[in-house]
Amino acid sequence: MIFKLFPILVIILIAIWVRTIIDIIKQQDYAFRAGNQVVWLLVVILVPFIGVPLYWVIGAPQAR
């Protein structure tokens, strides 16, 4: 049963990773709450399992 869900889980995780990268690229550098665009992009690409949740919790710009 778990082996049938594994490909779906992988696709969902890749989609969240890609969505995060797109969000970082589309934002202005001054809009980030912590750090800057280049740092967040490197963190998310190099360490995605840590970088993606950290970006959405502390780095993403707040909604206006």
N, C-alpha and C. Protein backbone atom coordinates (compact mmCIF):
# COMPACT_ATOMS: atom_id res chain seq x y z
N MET A 1 0.82 -1.20 0.00
CA MET A 1 0.00 0.00 0.00
C MET A 1 0.86 1.26 0.00
N ILE A 2 1.88 1.27 0.84
CA ILE A 2 2.72 2.46 0.92
C ILE A 2 3.51 2.68 -0.37
N PHE A 3 3.83 1.60 -1.08
CA PHE A 3 4.57 1.74 -2.32
C PHE A 3 3.73 2.36 -3.42
N LYS A 4 2.44 2.27 -3.33
CA LYS A 4 1.56 2.92 -4.30
C LYS A 4 1.46 4.42 -4.04
N LEU A 5 1.61 4.83 -2.80
CA LEU A 5 1.54 6.25 -2.45
C LEU A 5 2.87 6.97 -2.60
N PHE A 6 3.96 6.24 -2.64
CA PHE A 6 5.28 6.85 -2.71
C PHE A 6 5.47 7.75 -3.92
N PRO A 7 5.12 7.32 -5.14
CA PRO A 7 5.29 8.22 -6.30
C PRO A 7 4.47 9.50 -6.19
N ILE A 8 3.29 9.40 -5.62
CA ILE A 8 2.44 10.58 -5.44
C ILE A 8 3.08 11.54 -4.44
N LEU A 9 3.61 11.00 -3.37
CA LEU A 9 4.28 11.82 -2.37
C LEU A 9 5.51 12.52 -2.96
N VAL A 10 6.28 11.82 -3.76
CA VAL A 10 7.45 12.41 -4.40
C VAL A 10 7.03 13.54 -5.34
N ILE A 11 5.99 13.34 -6.11
CA ILE A 11 5.50 14.38 -7.02
C ILE A 11 5.03 15.61 -6.24
N ILE A 12 4.34 15.41 -5.13
CA ILE A 12 3.87 16.53 -4.31
C ILE A 12 5.06 17.30 -3.72
N LEU A 13 6.07 16.59 -3.23
CA LEU A 13 7.24 17.25 -2.66
C LEU A 13 8.01 18.03 -3.71
N ILE A 14 8.15 17.49 -4.90
CA ILE A 14 8.83 18.20 -5.99
C ILE A 14 8.02 19.44 -6.39
N ALA A 15 6.70 19.32 -6.41
CA ALA A 15 5.86 20.46 -6.76
C ALA A 15 6.00 21.59 -5.73
N ILE A 16 6.05 21.24 -4.46
CA ILE A 16 6.23 22.25 -3.41
C ILE A 16 7.61 22.91 -3.54
N TRP A 17 8.63 22.11 -3.86
CA TRP A 17 9.98 22.63 -4.03
C TRP A 17 10.05 23.61 -5.20
N VAL A 18 9.45 23.22 -6.32
CA VAL A 18 9.44 24.09 -7.50
C VAL A 18 8.64 25.36 -7.22
N ARG A 19 7.51 25.23 -6.54
CA ARG A 19 6.68 26.40 -6.19
C ARG A 19 7.46 27.37 -5.31
N THR A 20 8.25 26.85 -4.40
CA THR A 20 9.06 27.69 -3.53
C THR A 20 10.12 28.44 -4.33
N ILE A 21 10.79 27.75 -5.24
CA ILE A 21 11.81 28.39 -6.08
C ILE A 21 11.18 29.49 -6.92
N ILE A 22 10.03 29.23 -7.50
CA ILE A 22 9.34 30.24 -8.31
C ILE A 22 8.96 31.43 -7.45
N ASP A 23 8.48 31.18 -6.23
CA ASP A 23 8.10 32.27 -5.32
C ASP A 23 9.31 33.14 -4.98
N ILE A 24 10.45 32.52 -4.74
CA ILE A 24 11.66 33.28 -4.42
C ILE A 24 12.08 34.13 -5.60
N ILE A 25 12.06 33.58 -6.79
CA ILE A 25 12.49 34.31 -7.98
C ILE A 25 11.57 35.49 -8.29
N LYS A 26 10.28 35.33 -8.05
CA LYS A 26 9.32 36.38 -8.38
C LYS A 26 9.31 37.54 -7.39
N GLN A 27 9.82 37.33 -6.18
CA GLN A 27 9.79 38.38 -5.16
C GLN A 27 10.90 39.39 -5.37
N GLN A 28 10.67 40.60 -4.94
CA GLN A 28 11.70 41.63 -4.93
C GLN A 28 12.64 41.34 -3.76
N ASP A 29 13.90 41.70 -3.90
CA ASP A 29 14.90 41.39 -2.88
C ASP A 29 14.58 42.06 -1.55
N TYR A 30 14.01 43.25 -1.56
CA TYR A 30 13.72 43.95 -0.31
C TYR A 30 12.49 43.41 0.42
N ALA A 31 11.72 42.54 -0.22
CA ALA A 31 10.46 42.06 0.37
C ALA A 31 10.64 40.94 1.39
N PHE A 32 11.78 40.29 1.43
CA PHE A 32 11.97 39.15 2.32
C PHE A 32 12.07 39.59 3.78
N ARG A 33 11.50 38.79 4.65
CA ARG A 33 11.53 39.10 6.08
C ARG A 33 12.91 38.86 6.67
N ALA A 34 13.60 37.83 6.18
CA ALA A 34 14.92 37.48 6.70
C ALA A 34 15.82 37.09 5.54
N GLY A 35 17.00 37.66 5.49
CA GLY A 35 17.94 37.30 4.43
C GLY A 35 17.62 37.99 3.13
N ASN A 36 18.23 37.49 2.05
CA ASN A 36 17.93 38.05 0.74
C ASN A 36 17.64 36.95 -0.27
N GLN A 37 17.34 37.34 -1.46
CA GLN A 37 16.87 36.42 -2.49
C GLN A 37 17.91 35.35 -2.84
N VAL A 38 19.15 35.74 -3.01
CA VAL A 38 20.19 34.79 -3.41
C VAL A 38 20.41 33.74 -2.32
N VAL A 39 20.45 34.18 -1.07
CA VAL A 39 20.66 33.25 0.04
C VAL A 39 19.52 32.25 0.11
N TRP A 40 18.28 32.72 0.03
CA TRP A 40 17.14 31.81 0.10
C TRP A 40 17.14 30.83 -1.07
N LEU A 41 17.48 31.30 -2.25
CA LEU A 41 17.52 30.43 -3.42
C LEU A 41 18.56 29.33 -3.23
N LEU A 42 19.73 29.67 -2.74
CA LEU A 42 20.77 28.67 -2.49
C LEU A 42 20.36 27.67 -1.42
N VAL A 43 19.78 28.16 -0.34
CA VAL A 43 19.35 27.27 0.74
C VAL A 43 18.29 26.29 0.26
N VAL A 44 17.31 26.78 -0.49
CA VAL A 44 16.22 25.93 -0.95
C VAL A 44 16.71 24.91 -1.99
N ILE A 45 17.65 25.30 -2.83
CA ILE A 45 18.15 24.37 -3.84
C ILE A 45 19.11 23.34 -3.24
N LEU A 46 19.99 23.78 -2.36
CA LEU A 46 21.01 22.88 -1.82
C LEU A 46 20.51 21.97 -0.69
N VAL A 47 19.62 22.47 0.14
CA VAL A 47 19.08 21.67 1.25
C VAL A 47 17.56 21.79 1.26
N PRO A 48 16.88 21.15 0.32
CA PRO A 48 15.44 21.38 0.17
C PRO A 48 14.59 20.93 1.36
N PHE A 49 14.98 19.86 2.05
CA PHE A 49 14.14 19.38 3.15
C PHE A 49 14.17 20.31 4.35
N ILE A 50 15.21 21.12 4.45
CA ILE A 50 15.30 22.11 5.52
C ILE A 50 14.92 23.49 4.98
N GLY A 51 15.39 23.79 3.77
CA GLY A 51 15.21 25.12 3.20
C GLY A 51 13.77 25.49 2.89
N VAL A 52 13.01 24.55 2.35
CA VAL A 52 11.61 24.86 1.97
C VAL A 52 10.77 25.21 3.19
N PRO A 53 10.75 24.38 4.23
CA PRO A 53 9.95 24.77 5.40
C PRO A 53 10.45 26.06 6.06
N LEU A 54 11.77 26.23 6.13
CA LEU A 54 12.30 27.46 6.71
C LEU A 54 11.88 28.68 5.90
N TYR A 55 11.91 28.58 4.60
CA TYR A 55 11.51 29.71 3.77
C TYR A 55 10.06 30.10 4.05
N TRP A 56 9.17 29.13 4.08
CA TRP A 56 7.76 29.44 4.27
C TRP A 56 7.45 29.93 5.68
N VAL A 57 8.28 29.53 6.67
CA VAL A 57 8.03 29.96 8.04
C VAL A 57 8.67 31.31 8.35
N ILE A 58 9.96 31.50 7.97
CA ILE A 58 10.63 32.73 8.39
C ILE A 58 11.08 33.64 7.24
N GLY A 59 11.12 33.14 6.01
CA GLY A 59 11.70 33.94 4.95
C GLY A 59 10.72 34.56 3.97
N ALA A 60 9.59 33.94 3.78
CA ALA A 60 8.64 34.42 2.77
C ALA A 60 8.07 35.78 3.15
N PRO A 61 7.89 36.63 2.16
CA PRO A 61 7.28 37.93 2.45
C PRO A 61 5.87 37.75 3.00
N GLN A 62 5.49 38.63 3.90
CA GLN A 62 4.15 38.58 4.46
C GLN A 62 3.15 39.10 3.44
N ALA A 63 1.95 38.53 3.46
CA ALA A 63 0.90 39.00 2.58
C ALA A 63 0.45 40.38 3.03
N ARG A 64 0.13 41.22 2.08
CA ARG A 64 -0.27 42.60 2.42
C ARG A 64 -1.73 42.71 2.66
